[in-house]
PDB file of N, CA and C in Angstrom:
ATOM      1  N   MET A   1     190.632  37.613  84.323  1.00  0.00           N
ATOM      2  CA  MET A   1     191.837  37.499  84.959  1.00  0.00           C
ATOM      3  C   MET A   1     192.676  36.713  84.112  1.00  0.00           C
ATOM      4  N   PRO A   2     193.958  37.269  83.746  1.00  0.00           N
ATOM      5  CA  PRO A   2     194.809  36.484  82.849  1.00  0.00           C
ATOM      6  C   PRO A   2     195.424  35.211  83.169  1.00  0.00           C
ATOM      7  N   HIS A   3     195.744  35.076  84.719  1.00  0.00           N
ATOM      8  CA  HIS A   3     196.281  33.886  85.085  1.00  0.00           C
ATOM      9  C   HIS A   3     195.556  33.553  86.119  1.00  0.00           C
ATOM     10  N   GLU A   4     195.341  32.216  86.047  1.00  0.00           N
ATOM     11  CA  GLU A   4     194.235  31.533  87.108  1.00  0.00           C
ATOM     12  C   GLU A   4     194.997  30.824  88.147  1.00  0.00           C
ATOM     13  N   THR A   5     196.240  30.836  88.115  1.00  0.00           N
ATOM     14  CA  THR A   5     197.127  30.143  89.476  1.00  0.00           C
ATOM     15  C   THR A   5     196.910  31.167  90.475  1.00  0.00           C
ATOM     16  N   LYS A   6     196.597  30.717  91.815  1.00  0.00           N
ATOM     17  CA  LYS A   6     196.656  31.740  92.957  1.00  0.00           C
ATOM     18  C   LYS A   6     197.759  32.252  93.271  1.00  0.00           C
ATOM     19  N   ILE A   7     197.546  33.641  93.311  1.00  0.00           N
ATOM     20  CA  ILE A   7     199.142  34.390  94.040  1.00  0.00           C
ATOM     21  C   ILE A   7     199.124  34.229  95.349  1.00  0.00           C
ATOM     22  N   VAL A   8     200.319  33.555  95.836  1.00  0.00           N
ATOM     23  CA  VAL A   8     200.719  33.446  97.180  1.00  0.00           C
ATOM     24  C   VAL A   8     202.143  33.872  97.219  1.00  0.00           C
ATOM     25  N   ARG A   9     202.308  34.868  97.981  1.00  0.00           N
ATOM     26  CA  ARG A   9     203.873  35.305  98.297  1.00  0.00           C
ATOM     27  C   ARG A   9     204.358  34.436  99.554  1.00  0.00           C
ATOM     28  N   GLU A  10     205.342  34.135  99.662  1.00  0.00           N
ATOM     29  CA  GLU A  10     205.847  33.353 100.646  1.00  0.00           C
ATOM     30  C   GLU A  10     206.395  34.098 101.595  1.00  0.00           C
ATOM     31  N   ARG A  11     206.982  35.378 101.549  1.00  0.00           N
ATOM     32  CA  ARG A  11     207.399  35.944 102.628  1.00  0.00           C
ATOM     33  C   ARG A  11     207.309  37.423 102.078  1.00  0.00           C
ATOM     34  N   THR A  12     206.469  38.324 102.679  1.00  0.00           N
ATOM     35  CA  THR A  12     206.433  39.762 102.491  1.00  0.00           C
ATOM     36  C   THR A  12     207.279  40.871 103.437  1.00  0.00           C
ATOM     37  N   LYS A  13     207.342  40.368 104.337  1.00  0.00           N
ATOM     38  CA  LYS A  13     207.949  40.935 105.584  1.00  0.00           C
ATOM     39  C   LYS A  13     209.704  40.905 105.265  1.00  0.00           C
ATOM     40  N   LYS A  14     210.501  42.122 105.623  1.00  0.00           N
ATOM     41  CA  LYS A  14     211.890  41.925 105.395  1.00  0.00           C
ATOM     42  C   LYS A  14     212.514  41.461 106.624  1.00  0.00           C
ATOM     43  N   PHE A  15     213.881  41.007 106.101  1.00  0.00           N
ATOM     44  CA  PHE A  15     214.690  40.141 107.475  1.00  0.00           C
ATOM     45  C   PHE A  15     215.400  41.244 108.065  1.00  0.00           C
ATOM     46  N   MET A  16     215.272  41.209 109.386  1.00  0.00           N
ATOM     47  CA  MET A  16     215.974  42.268 110.046  1.00  0.00           C
ATOM     48  C   MET A  16     217.634  41.662 110.411  1.00  0.00           C
ATOM     49  N   TRP A  17     218.382  42.526 110.684  1.00  0.00           N
ATOM     50  CA  TRP A  17     219.769  42.174 110.831  1.00  0.00           C
ATOM     51  C   TRP A  17     219.949  41.934 112.549  1.00  0.00           C
ATOM     52  N   HIS A  18     220.575  40.952 112.843  1.00  0.00           N
ATOM     53  CA  HIS A  18     220.681  40.782 114.288  1.00  0.00           C
ATOM     54  C   HIS A  18     220.976  41.713 115.174  1.00  0.00           C
ATOM     55  N   GLN A  19     220.289  41.791 116.166  1.00  0.00           N
ATOM     56  CA  GLN A  19     220.424  42.819 117.285  1.00  0.00           C
ATOM     57  C   GLN A  19     220.679  44.258 116.793  1.00  0.00           C
ATOM     58  N   SER A  20     219.674  44.377 116.040  1.00  0.00           N
ATOM     59  CA  SER A  20     219.427  46.127 115.372  1.00  0.00           C
ATOM     60  C   SER A  20     218.239  46.313 116.020  1.00  0.00           C
ATOM     61  N   ASP A  21     218.014  46.298 117.347  1.00  0.00           N
ATOM     62  CA  ASP A  21     216.685  47.081 118.114  1.00  0.00           C
ATOM     63  C   ASP A  21     216.415  48.103 117.919  1.00  0.00           C
ATOM     64  N   ASN A  22     217.510  49.264 117.890  1.00  0.00           N
ATOM     65  CA  ASN A  22     217.193  50.676 118.160  1.00  0.00           C
ATOM     66  C   ASN A  22     217.157  51.225 116.565  1.00  0.00           C
ATOM     67  N   VAL A  23     217.759  50.556 115.730  1.00  0.00           N
ATOM     68  CA  VAL A  23     217.903  51.094 114.224  1.00  0.00           C
ATOM     69  C   VAL A  23     217.132  50.332 113.409  1.00  0.00           C
ATOM     70  N   LYS A  24     216.953  49.016 113.443  1.00  0.00           N
ATOM     71  CA  LYS A  24     216.053  48.269 112.631  1.00  0.00           C
ATOM     72  C   LYS A  24     216.606  48.431 111.090  1.00  0.00           C
ATOM     73  N   ILE A  25     217.995  47.411 111.014  1.00  0.00           N
ATOM     74  CA  ILE A  25     218.552  47.459 109.978  1.00  0.00           C
ATOM     75  C   ILE A  25     218.023  46.533 108.870  1.00  0.00           C
ATOM     76  N   LYS A  26     217.659  46.626 107.653  1.00  0.00           N
ATOM     77  CA  LYS A  26     217.057  45.754 106.872  1.00  0.00           C
ATOM     78  C   LYS A  26     218.432  44.950 106.380  1.00  0.00           C
ATOM     79  N   CYS A  27     218.226  43.724 105.924  1.00  0.00           N
ATOM     80  CA  CYS A  27     219.279  43.150 105.224  1.00  0.00           C
ATOM     81  C   CYS A  27     218.972  42.042 104.381  1.00  0.00           C
ATOM     82  N   ASN A  28     219.657  41.642 103.578  1.00  0.00           N
ATOM     83  CA  ASN A  28     219.424  40.397 102.694  1.00  0.00           C
ATOM     84  C   ASN A  28     220.155  39.513 102.891  1.00  0.00           C
ATOM     85  N   GLY A  29     221.606  39.837 103.735  1.00  0.00           N
ATOM     86  CA  GLY A  29     222.744  38.783 103.897  1.00  0.00           C
ATOM     87  C   GLY A  29     222.453  37.795 105.126  1.00  0.00           C
ATOM     88  N   LYS A  30     223.258  36.942 105.207  1.00  0.00           N
ATOM     89  CA  LYS A  30     223.166  36.073 106.486  1.00  0.00           C
ATOM     90  C   LYS A  30     224.280  36.447 107.493  1.00  0.00           C
ATOM     91  N   PRO A  31     224.177  36.330 108.858  1.00  0.00           N
ATOM     92  CA  PRO A  31     225.104  36.549 109.781  1.00  0.00           C
ATOM     93  C   PRO A  31     226.205  35.365 109.554  1.00  0.00           C
ATOM     94  N   ARG A  32     227.378  35.619 109.878  1.00  0.00           N
ATOM     95  CA  ARG A  32     228.315  34.933 109.677  1.00  0.00           C
ATOM     96  C   ARG A  32     229.096  34.870 110.867  1.00  0.00           C
ATOM     97  N   GLY A  33     229.542  33.677 111.063  1.00  0.00           N
ATOM     98  CA  GLY A  33     230.507  33.832 112.708  1.00  0.00           C
ATOM     99  C   GLY A  33     230.192  32.566 113.406  1.00  0.00           C
ATOM    100  N   MET A  34     230.998  31.889 113.789  1.00  0.00           N
ATOM    101  CA  MET A  34     230.687  30.544 114.363  1.00  0.00           C
ATOM    102  C   MET A  34     230.090  30.533 115.913  1.00  0.00           C
ATOM    103  N   ASP A  35     230.193  31.774 116.487  1.00  0.00           N
ATOM    104  CA  ASP A  35     229.491  32.079 117.843  1.00  0.00           C
ATOM    105  C   ASP A  35     228.224  32.817 117.750  1.00  0.00           C
ATOM    106  N   ASN A  36     227.853  33.110 116.429  1.00  0.00           N
ATOM    107  CA  ASN A  36     226.439  33.756 116.455  1.00  0.00           C
ATOM    108  C   ASN A  36     225.487  32.810 116.528  1.00  0.00           C
ATOM    109  N   ARG A  37     224.438  33.131 117.316  1.00  0.00           N
ATOM    110  CA  ARG A  37     223.286  32.379 117.857  1.00  0.00           C
ATOM    111  C   ARG A  37     222.144  32.183 116.575  1.00  0.00           C
ATOM    112  N   VAL A  38     222.326  33.155 115.844  1.00  0.00           N
ATOM    113  CA  VAL A  38     221.455  33.472 114.817  1.00  0.00           C
ATOM    114  C   VAL A  38     221.801  32.379 113.621  1.00  0.00           C
ATOM    115  N   CYS A  39     223.189  32.278 113.524  1.00  0.00           N
ATOM    116  CA  CYS A  39     223.536  31.745 112.231  1.00  0.00           C
ATOM    117  C   CYS A  39     223.579  30.041 112.855  1.00  0.00           C
ATOM    118  N   ARG A  40     223.817  29.801 114.172  1.00  0.00           N
ATOM    119  CA  ARG A  40     223.633  28.489 114.477  1.00  0.00           C
ATOM    120  C   ARG A  40     222.215  27.789 114.741  1.00  0.00           C
ATOM    121  N   ARG A  41     221.142  28.927 114.329  1.00  0.00           N
ATOM    122  CA  ARG A  41     219.911  28.427 114.586  1.00  0.00           C
ATOM    123  C   ARG A  41     219.609  27.945 115.811  1.00  0.00           C
ATOM    124  N   LEU A  42     219.825  28.821 116.996  1.00  0.00           N
ATOM    125  CA  LEU A  42     219.775  28.247 118.398  1.00  0.00           C
ATOM    126  C   LEU A  42     218.100  29.072 118.866  1.00  0.00           C
ATOM    127  N   GLY A  43     217.471  28.036 119.070  1.00  0.00           N
ATOM    128  CA  GLY A  43     216.172  28.274 120.025  1.00  0.00           C
ATOM    129  C   GLY A  43     215.284  29.266 119.035  1.00  0.00           C
ATOM    130  N   ASP A  44     214.570  30.313 119.554  1.00  0.00           N
ATOM    131  CA  ASP A  44     213.734  31.168 118.949  1.00  0.00           C
ATOM    132  C   ASP A  44     214.288  32.428 118.553  1.00  0.00           C
ATOM    133  N   GLN A  45     215.152  32.338 117.268  1.00  0.00           N
ATOM    134  CA  GLN A  45     216.133  33.578 117.207  1.00  0.00           C
ATOM    135  C   GLN A  45     215.139  34.009 115.616  1.00  0.00           C
ATOM    136  N   ASN A  46     215.935  35.122 115.298  1.00  0.00           N
ATOM    137  CA  ASN A  46     215.424  35.923 114.071  1.00  0.00           C
ATOM    138  C   ASN A  46     215.898  34.819 112.719  1.00  0.00           C
ATOM    139  N   ARG A  47     214.593  34.751 111.906  1.00  0.00           N
ATOM    140  CA  ARG A  47     214.396  34.242 110.678  1.00  0.00           C
ATOM    141  C   ARG A  47     215.723  34.581 109.658  1.00  0.00           C
ATOM    142  N   ARG A  48     216.342  33.933 108.768  1.00  0.00           N
ATOM    143  CA  ARG A  48     217.502  34.176 108.107  1.00  0.00           C
ATOM    144  C   ARG A  48     217.091  34.095 106.640  1.00  0.00           C
ATOM    145  N   PRO A  49     217.321  35.059 105.604  1.00  0.00           N
ATOM    146  CA  PRO A  49     217.182  34.542 104.248  1.00  0.00           C
ATOM    147  C   PRO A  49     217.840  33.174 103.664  1.00  0.00           C
ATOM    148  N   HIS A  50     216.902  32.493 103.055  1.00  0.00           N
ATOM    149  CA  HIS A  50     217.453  31.452 102.445  1.00  0.00           C
ATOM    150  C   HIS A  50     216.519  30.938 101.330  1.00  0.00           C
ATOM    151  N   THR A  51     216.877  29.996 100.420  1.00  0.00           N
ATOM    152  CA  THR A  51     216.276  29.852  99.096  1.00  0.00           C
ATOM    153  C   THR A  51     214.795  29.430  99.173  1.00  0.00           C
ATOM    154  N   GLY A  52     214.293  28.965 100.556  1.00  0.00           N
ATOM    155  CA  GLY A  52     212.808  28.617 100.773  1.00  0.00           C
ATOM    156  C   GLY A  52     211.816  29.770 100.600  1.00  0.00           C
ATOM    157  N   HIS A  53     212.235  31.218 100.773  1.00  0.00           N
ATOM    158  CA  HIS A  53     211.417  32.117 101.084  1.00  0.00           C
ATOM    159  C   HIS A  53     210.938  32.931  99.904  1.00  0.00           C
ATOM    160  N   GLY A  54     211.110  32.109  98.493  1.00  0.00           N
ATOM    161  CA  GLY A  54     211.068  32.872  97.186  1.00  0.00           C
ATOM    162  C   GLY A  54     209.567  32.547  96.977  1.00  0.00           C
ATOM    163  N   SER A  55     208.916  33.343  95.920  1.00  0.00           N
ATOM    164  CA  SER A  55     207.616  33.443  95.351  1.00  0.00           C
ATOM    165  C   SER A  55     207.469  32.328  94.333  1.00  0.00           C
ATOM    166  N   ASN A  56     206.480  32.016  93.979  1.00  0.00           N
ATOM    167  CA  ASN A  56     206.231  30.990  92.875  1.00  0.00           C
ATOM    168  C   ASN A  56     206.801  31.666  91.695  1.00  0.00           C
ATOM    169  N   GLU A  57     207.325  30.974  90.656  1.00  0.00           N
ATOM    170  CA  GLU A  57     208.067  31.543  89.583  1.00  0.00           C
ATOM    171  C   GLU A  57     206.850  32.399  88.195  1.00  0.00           C
ATOM    172  N   LYS A  58     205.640  31.350  88.400  1.00  0.00           N
ATOM    173  CA  LYS A  58     204.665  32.084  87.395  1.00  0.00           C
ATOM    174  C   LYS A  58     204.029  33.336  87.874  1.00  0.00           C
ATOM    175  N   THR A  59     203.860  33.492  89.191  1.00  0.00           N
ATOM    176  CA  THR A  59     203.037  34.625  89.685  1.00  0.00           C
ATOM    177  C   THR A  59     204.115  35.572  90.427  1.00  0.00           C
ATOM    178  N   LYS A  60     205.470  35.449  90.341  1.00  0.00           N
ATOM    179  CA  LYS A  60     206.300  36.642  90.738  1.00  0.00           C
ATOM    180  C   LYS A  60     205.949  37.944  90.068  1.00  0.00           C
ATOM    181  N   HIS A  61     206.157  38.763  90.457  1.00  0.00           N
ATOM    182  CA  HIS A  61     205.991  40.247  90.280  1.00  0.00           C
ATOM    183  C   HIS A  61     204.306  40.552  89.783  1.00  0.00           C
ATOM    184  N   MET A  62     203.575  39.666  90.112  1.00  0.00           N
ATOM    185  CA  MET A  62     202.101  39.771  89.434  1.00  0.00           C
ATOM    186  C   MET A  62     201.460  40.733  90.662  1.00  0.00           C
ATOM    187  N   LEU A  63     200.456  41.425  89.664  1.00  0.00           N
ATOM    188  CA  LEU A  63     199.749  42.476  90.496  1.00  0.00           C
ATOM    189  C   LEU A  63     198.391  41.480  91.294  1.00  0.00           C
ATOM    190  N   PRO A  64     197.630  42.026  92.196  1.00  0.00           N
ATOM    191  CA  PRO A  64     196.489  41.128  92.634  1.00  0.00           C
ATOM    192  C   PRO A  64     195.534  41.005  91.245  1.00  0.00           C
ATOM    193  N   SER A  65     195.486  41.881  90.132  1.00  0.00           N
ATOM    194  CA  SER A  65     194.583  41.894  89.074  1.00  0.00           C
ATOM    195  C   SER A  65     195.096  40.703  88.268  1.00  0.00           C
ATOM    196  N   GLY A  66     196.221  40.312  88.321  1.00  0.00           N
ATOM    197  CA  GLY A  66     196.687  39.055  87.301  1.00  0.00           C
ATOM    198  C   GLY A  66     197.856  39.702  86.164  1.00  0.00           C
ATOM    199  N   PHE A  67     198.049  41.218  86.292  1.00  0.00           N
ATOM    200  CA  PHE A  67     198.703  41.469  85.302  1.00  0.00           C
ATOM    201  C   PHE A  67     200.079  42.041  86.043  1.00  0.00           C
ATOM    202  N   ARG A  68     201.246  42.013  85.092  1.00  0.00           N
ATOM    203  CA  ARG A  68     202.347  42.432  85.528  1.00  0.00           C
ATOM    204  C   ARG A  68     202.763  43.699  85.021  1.00  0.00           C
ATOM    205  N   LYS A  69     203.156  44.909  85.701  1.00  0.00           N
ATOM    206  CA  LYS A  69     203.474  45.873  85.520  1.00  0.00           C
ATOM    207  C   LYS A  69     204.475  46.525  84.389  1.00  0.00           C
ATOM    208  N   PHE A  70     204.294  47.337  83.673  1.00  0.00           N
ATOM    209  CA  PHE A  70     205.106  47.703  82.525  1.00  0.00           C
ATOM    210  C   PHE A  70     205.069  49.178  82.692  1.00  0.00           C
ATOM    211  N   LEU A  71     206.682  49.986  83.066  1.00  0.00           N
ATOM    212  CA  LEU A  71     206.503  51.304  83.265  1.00  0.00           C
ATOM    213  C   LEU A  71     206.589  52.033  82.187  1.00  0.00           C
ATOM    214  N   VAL A  72     205.677  52.974  81.796  1.00  0.00           N
ATOM    215  CA  VAL A  72     205.868  53.611  80.432  1.00  0.00           C
ATOM    216  C   VAL A  72     206.032  55.254  80.642  1.00  0.00           C
ATOM    217  N   HIS A  73     206.941  55.461  79.972  1.00  0.00           N
ATOM    218  CA  HIS A  73     207.647  57.084  80.281  1.00  0.00           C
ATOM    219  C   HIS A  73     207.152  58.117  79.047  1.00  0.00           C
ATOM    220  N   ASN A  74     206.657  57.617  77.614  1.00  0.00           N
ATOM    221  CA  ASN A  74     206.154  58.317  76.935  1.00  0.00           C
ATOM    222  C   ASN A  74     205.164  57.576  76.021  1.00  0.00           C
ATOM    223  N   VAL A  75     204.532  58.014  74.775  1.00  0.00           N
ATOM    224  CA  VAL A  75     203.645  57.383  73.969  1.00  0.00           C
ATOM    225  C   VAL A  75     203.987  56.416  73.245  1.00  0.00           C
ATOM    226  N   LYS A  76     205.268  56.562  73.022  1.00  0.00           N
ATOM    227  CA  LYS A  76     205.832  55.440  72.038  1.00  0.00           C
ATOM    228  C   LYS A  76     206.129  54.218  72.782  1.00  0.00           C
ATOM    229  N   GLU A  77     206.406  54.122  73.881  1.00  0.00           N
ATOM    230  CA  GLU A  77     206.830  52.986  74.686  1.00  0.00           C
ATOM    231  C   GLU A  77     205.406  52.102  75.079  1.00  0.00           C
ATOM    232  N   LEU A  78     204.262  52.654  74.596  1.00  0.00           N
ATOM    233  CA  LEU A  78     203.061  51.745  74.981  1.00  0.00           C
ATOM    234  C   LEU A  78     202.983  50.667  73.524  1.00  0.00           C
ATOM    235  N   GLU A  79     203.738  50.970  72.484  1.00  0.00           N
ATOM    236  CA  GLU A  79     203.677  50.067  71.216  1.00  0.00           C
ATOM    237  C   GLU A  79     204.066  48.554  71.698  1.00  0.00           C
ATOM    238  N   VAL A  80     204.831  48.712  72.695  1.00  0.00           N
ATOM    239  CA  VAL A  80     205.487  47.283  73.149  1.00  0.00           C
ATOM    240  C   VAL A  80     204.453  46.455  73.824  1.00  0.00           C
ATOM    241  N   LEU A  81     203.163  47.157  74.286  1.00  0.00           N
ATOM    242  CA  LEU A  81     202.096  46.410  74.966  1.00  0.00           C
ATOM    243  C   LEU A  81     201.140  45.928  73.590  1.00  0.00           C
ATOM    244  N   LEU A  82     201.335  46.334  72.281  1.00  0.00           N
ATOM    245  CA  LEU A  82     200.523  45.697  71.551  1.00  0.00           C
ATOM    246  C   LEU A  82     200.299  44.167  71.454  1.00  0.00           C
ATOM    247  N   THR A  83     201.544  43.571  71.538  1.00  0.00           N
ATOM    248  CA  THR A  83     201.600  42.095  71.668  1.00  0.00           C
ATOM    249  C   THR A  83     201.405  41.469  73.043  1.00  0.00           C
ATOM    250  N   CYS A  84     201.420  42.213  74.138  1.00  0.00           N
ATOM    251  CA  CYS A  84     201.438  41.417  75.217  1.00  0.00           C
ATOM    252  C   CYS A  84     200.339  42.222  76.168  1.00  0.00           C
ATOM    253  N   ASN A  85     199.129  42.577  75.623  1.00  0.00           N
ATOM    254  CA  ASN A  85     198.388  43.672  76.525  1.00  0.00           C
ATOM    255  C   ASN A  85     197.488  42.559  77.436  1.00  0.00           C
ATOM    256  N   LYS A  86     197.277  41.332  77.328  1.00  0.00           N
ATOM    257  CA  LYS A  86     196.781  40.267  77.816  1.00  0.00           C
ATOM    258  C   LYS A  86     197.326  40.172  79.235  1.00  0.00           C
ATOM    259  N   SER A  87     198.694  40.271  79.180  1.00  0.00           N
ATOM    260  CA  SER A  87     199.405  39.851  80.516  1.00  0.00           C
ATOM    261  C   SER A  87     200.189  40.976  81.312  1.00  0.00           C
ATOM    262  N   HIS A  88     200.324  42.026  80.665  1.00  0.00           N
ATOM    263  CA  HIS A  88     200.995  43.121  81.239  1.00  0.00           C
ATOM    264  C   HIS A  88     199.979  44.281  81.276  1.00  0.00           C
ATOM    265  N   CYS A  89     200.329  45.273  82.018  1.00  0.00           N
ATOM    266  CA  CYS A  89     199.654  46.388  82.012  1.00  0.00           C
ATOM    267  C   CYS A  89     200.492  47.955  82.270  1.00  0.00           C
ATOM    268  N   ALA A  90     200.144  48.789  81.631  1.00  0.00           N
ATOM    269  CA  ALA A  90     201.187  49.986  81.910  1.00  0.00           C
ATOM    270  C   ALA A  90     200.941  50.802  83.139  1.00  0.00           C
ATOM    271  N   GLU A  91     201.917  51.240  83.531  1.00  0.00           N
ATOM    272  CA  GLU A  91     201.821  52.155  84.708  1.00  0.00           C
ATOM    273  C   GLU A  91     202.641  53.414  84.319  1.00  0.00           C
ATOM    274  N   ILE A  92     201.944  54.726  84.507  1.00  0.00           N
ATOM    275  CA  ILE A  92     202.598  55.745  83.973  1.00  0.00           C
ATOM    276  C   ILE A  92     203.272  56.217  84.907  1.00  0.00           C
ATOM    277  N   ALA A  93     204.601  56.538  84.442  1.00  0.00           N
ATOM    278  CA  ALA A  93     205.838  57.191  85.317  1.00  0.00           C
ATOM    279  C   ALA A  93     205.660  58.302  86.131  1.00  0.00           C
ATOM    280  N   HIS A  94     206.200  58.591  86.957  1.00  0.00           N
ATOM    281  CA  HIS A  94     206.014  59.937  87.963  1.00  0.00           C
ATOM    282  C   HIS A  94     206.279  61.075  87.542  1.00  0.00           C
ATOM    283  N   SER A  95     207.167  60.885  86.454  1.00  0.00           N
ATOM    284  CA  SER A  95     207.943  62.051  85.960  1.00  0.00           C
ATOM    285  C   SER A  95     207.066  62.741  84.476  1.00  0.00           C
ATOM    286  N   ILE A  96     206.049  62.081  84.413  1.00  0.00           N
ATOM    287  CA  ILE A  96     205.326  62.478  83.117  1.00  0.00           C
ATOM    288  C   ILE A  96     204.423  63.682  83.526  1.00  0.00           C
ATOM    289  N   SER A  97     204.299  64.905  82.331  1.00  0.00           N
ATOM    290  CA  SER A  97     203.599  65.651  82.820  1.00  0.00           C
ATOM    291  C   SER A  97     202.150  65.489  82.505  1.00  0.00           C
ATOM    292  N   SER A  98     201.268  66.282  82.906  1.00  0.00           N
ATOM    293  CA  SER A  98     199.781  65.803  82.848  1.00  0.00           C
ATOM    294  C   SER A  98     199.233  66.078  81.388  1.00  0.00           C
ATOM    295  N   LYS A  99     199.836  66.790  80.540  1.00  0.00           N
ATOM    296  CA  LYS A  99     199.576  66.863  79.058  1.00  0.00           C
ATOM    297  C   LYS A  99     199.913  65.447  78.325  1.00  0.00           C
ATOM    298  N   ASN A 100     201.081  64.898  78.689  1.00  0.00           N
ATOM    299  CA  ASN A 100     201.667  63.790  78.219  1.00  0.00           C
ATOM    300  C   ASN A 100     200.917  62.525  78.980  1.00  0.00           C
ATOM    301  N   CYS A 101     200.453  62.608  79.945  1.00  0.00           N
ATOM    302  CA  CYS A 101     199.852  61.846  80.720  1.00  0.00           C
ATOM    303  C   CYS A 101     198.533  61.377  80.284  1.00  0.00           C
ATOM    304  N   LYS A 102     197.577  62.601  79.747  1.00  0.00           N
ATOM    305  CA  LYS A 102     196.303  62.285  79.033  1.00  0.00           C
ATOM    306  C   LYS A 102     196.489  61.624  77.636  1.00  0.00           C
ATOM    307  N   ALA A 103     197.825  62.076  76.795  1.00  0.00           N
ATOM    308  CA  ALA A 103     197.901  61.525  75.785  1.00  0.00           C
ATOM    309  C   ALA A 103     198.092  59.963  75.973  1.00  0.00           C
ATOM    310  N   THR A 104     198.944  59.686  76.814  1.00  0.00           N
ATOM    311  CA  THR A 104     199.128  58.312  77.020  1.00  0.00           C
ATOM    312  C   THR A 104     198.016  57.290  77.256  1.00  0.00           C
ATOM    313  N   VAL A 105     197.169  57.888  78.393  1.00  0.00           N
ATOM    314  CA  VAL A 105     195.606  57.106  78.381  1.00  0.00           C
ATOM    315  C   VAL A 105     195.079  57.087  77.323  1.00  0.00           C
ATOM    316  N   ASP A 106     194.909  58.054  76.509  1.00  0.00           N
ATOM    317  CA  ASP A 106     194.058  58.182  75.226  1.00  0.00           C
ATOM    318  C   ASP A 106     194.840  57.118  74.168  1.00  0.00           C
ATOM    319  N   LYS A 107     195.913  56.832  73.902  1.00  0.00           N
ATOM    320  CA  LYS A 107     197.005  55.993  73.402  1.00  0.00           C
ATOM    321  C   LYS A 107     196.365  54.570  73.829  1.00  0.00           C
ATOM    322  N   ALA A 108     196.670  54.542  75.227  1.00  0.00           N
ATOM    323  CA  ALA A 108     196.301  53.046  75.739  1.00  0.00           C
ATOM    324  C   ALA A 108     194.878  52.315  75.613  1.00  0.00           C
ATOM    325  N   ALA A 109     194.110  53.265  75.457  1.00  0.00           N
ATOM    326  CA  ALA A 109     192.676  53.032  75.067  1.00  0.00           C
ATOM    327  C   ALA A 109     192.530  52.508  73.822  1.00  0.00           C
ATOM    328  N   GLN A 110     193.284  52.982  72.671  1.00  0.00           N
ATOM    329  CA  GLN A 110     193.480  52.633  71.414  1.00  0.00           C
ATOM    330  C   GLN A 110     194.035  51.321  71.297  1.00  0.00           C
ATOM    331  N   VAL A 111     194.966  51.133  71.991  1.00  0.00           N
ATOM    332  CA  VAL A 111     195.856  49.848  71.725  1.00  0.00           C
ATOM    333  C   VAL A 111     195.196  48.628  72.740  1.00  0.00           C
ATOM    334  N   ALA A 112     194.458  49.009  73.554  1.00  0.00           N
ATOM    335  CA  ALA A 112     193.529  48.263  74.191  1.00  0.00           C
ATOM    336  C   ALA A 112     194.379  47.816  75.590  1.00  0.00           C
ATOM    337  N   ALA A 113     195.237  48.483  76.180  1.00  0.00           N
ATOM    338  CA  ALA A 113     196.085  48.267  77.136  1.00  0.00           C
ATOM    339  C   ALA A 113     195.347  48.775  78.455  1.00  0.00           C
ATOM    340  N   ARG A 114     195.614  47.893  79.394  1.00  0.00           N
ATOM    341  CA  ARG A 114     194.999  48.514  80.603  1.00  0.00           C
ATOM    342  C   ARG A 114     196.101  49.442  81.476  1.00  0.00           C
ATOM    343  N   VAL A 115     195.755  50.712  82.118  1.00  0.00           N
ATOM    344  CA  VAL A 115     196.536  51.451  82.770  1.00  0.00           C
ATOM    345  C   VAL A 115     196.226  51.479  84.318  1.00  0.00           C
ATOM    346  N   THR A 116     197.588  51.111  85.157  1.00  0.00           N
ATOM    347  CA  THR A 116     196.933  50.828  86.510  1.00  0.00           C
ATOM    348  C   THR A 116     196.786  52.442  87.098  1.00  0.00           C
ATOM    349  N   ASN A 117     197.166  53.582  86.863  1.00  0.00           N
ATOM    350  CA  ASN A 117     197.043  54.873  87.200  1.00  0.00           C
ATOM    351  C   ASN A 117     196.475  55.778  86.370  1.00  0.00           C
ATOM    352  N   PRO A 118     195.533  55.761  85.639  1.00  0.00           N
ATOM    353  CA  PRO A 118     195.024  56.497  84.505  1.00  0.00           C
ATOM    354  C   PRO A 118     194.686  57.997  85.234  1.00  0.00           C
ATOM    355  N   ASN A 119     194.433  58.145  86.270  1.00  0.00           N
ATOM    356  CA  ASN A 119     194.266  59.508  86.818  1.00  0.00           C
ATOM    357  C   ASN A 119     195.147  60.349  87.444  1.00  0.00           C
ATOM    358  N   ALA A 120     196.594  59.728  87.219  1.00  0.00           N
ATOM    359  CA  ALA A 120     197.891  60.796  87.434  1.00  0.00           C
ATOM    360  C   ALA A 120     197.944  61.859  86.909  1.00  0.00           C
ATOM    361  N   ARG A 121     198.384  62.725  87.848  1.00  0.00           N
ATOM    362  CA  ARG A 121     198.434  64.077  87.392  1.00  0.00           C
ATOM    363  C   ARG A 121     197.146  64.796  87.093  1.00  0.00           C
ATOM    364  N   LEU A 122     196.151  64.125  87.031  1.00  0.00           N
ATOM    365  CA  LEU A 122     194.792  64.800  86.581  1.00  0.00           C
ATOM    366  C   LEU A 122     194.049  65.456  87.852  1.00  0.00           C
ATOM    367  N   ARG A 123     194.113  64.652  89.263  1.00  0.00           N
ATOM    368  CA  ARG A 123     193.530  65.428  90.306  1.00  0.00           C
ATOM    369  C   ARG A 123     194.042  66.560  90.576  1.00  0.00           C
ATOM    370  N   SER A 124     195.606  67.065  90.705  1.00  0.00           N
ATOM    371  CA  SER A 124     196.019  67.921  91.018  1.00  0.00           C
ATOM    372  C   SER A 124     195.750  69.088  89.879  1.00  0.00           C
ATOM    373  N   GLU A 125     195.146  68.996  88.875  1.00  0.00           N
ATOM    374  CA  GLU A 125     194.737  69.860  87.646  1.00  0.00           C
ATOM    375  C   GLU A 125     193.459  70.371  87.917  1.00  0.00           C
ATOM    376  N   GLU A 126     192.579  69.176  88.329  1.00  0.00           N
ATOM    377  CA  GLU A 126     191.428  69.593  88.607  1.00  0.00           C
ATOM    378  C   GLU A 126     191.101  70.636  89.929  1.00  0.00           C
ATOM    379  N   ASN A 127     192.145  70.574  90.775  1.00  0.00           N
ATOM    380  CA  ASN A 127     191.914  71.469  91.847  1.00  0.00           C
ATOM    381  C   ASN A 127     192.090  72.813  91.688  1.00  0.00           C
ATOM    382  N   GLU A 128     192.995  73.220  90.701  1.00  0.00           N
ATOM    383  CA  GLU A 128     193.429  74.412  90.479  1.00  0.00           C
ATOM    384  C   GLU A 128     192.301  75.468  89.706  1.00  0.00           C
TER     385      GLU A 128
END
């Protein structure tokens, strides 16, 4: 594992907009208004977004394996991972064809880069 710090996510649940019971609107903003009980923090109200909910800076955007994702659209983009293959791993983009996907996985093996989805597009090809 490349990183020894334990990965702790401060909050993974999205904040809900105040009184959005039937539509469940996700929000990143705070309610504003002097009569709003969420804004005044009265009793057992909805949680509001503020600075204390952020994750650890060292483990932000980190996968459970300890790597960070790098989205790859073609074989040439794998050359970026030559220098940082210990901390980042490749993820094959959704729009890549099965032929290019195979070539990308082969090139990643040469570069010694880890691929999170090496079987992408290959399962549907085997079924046909």
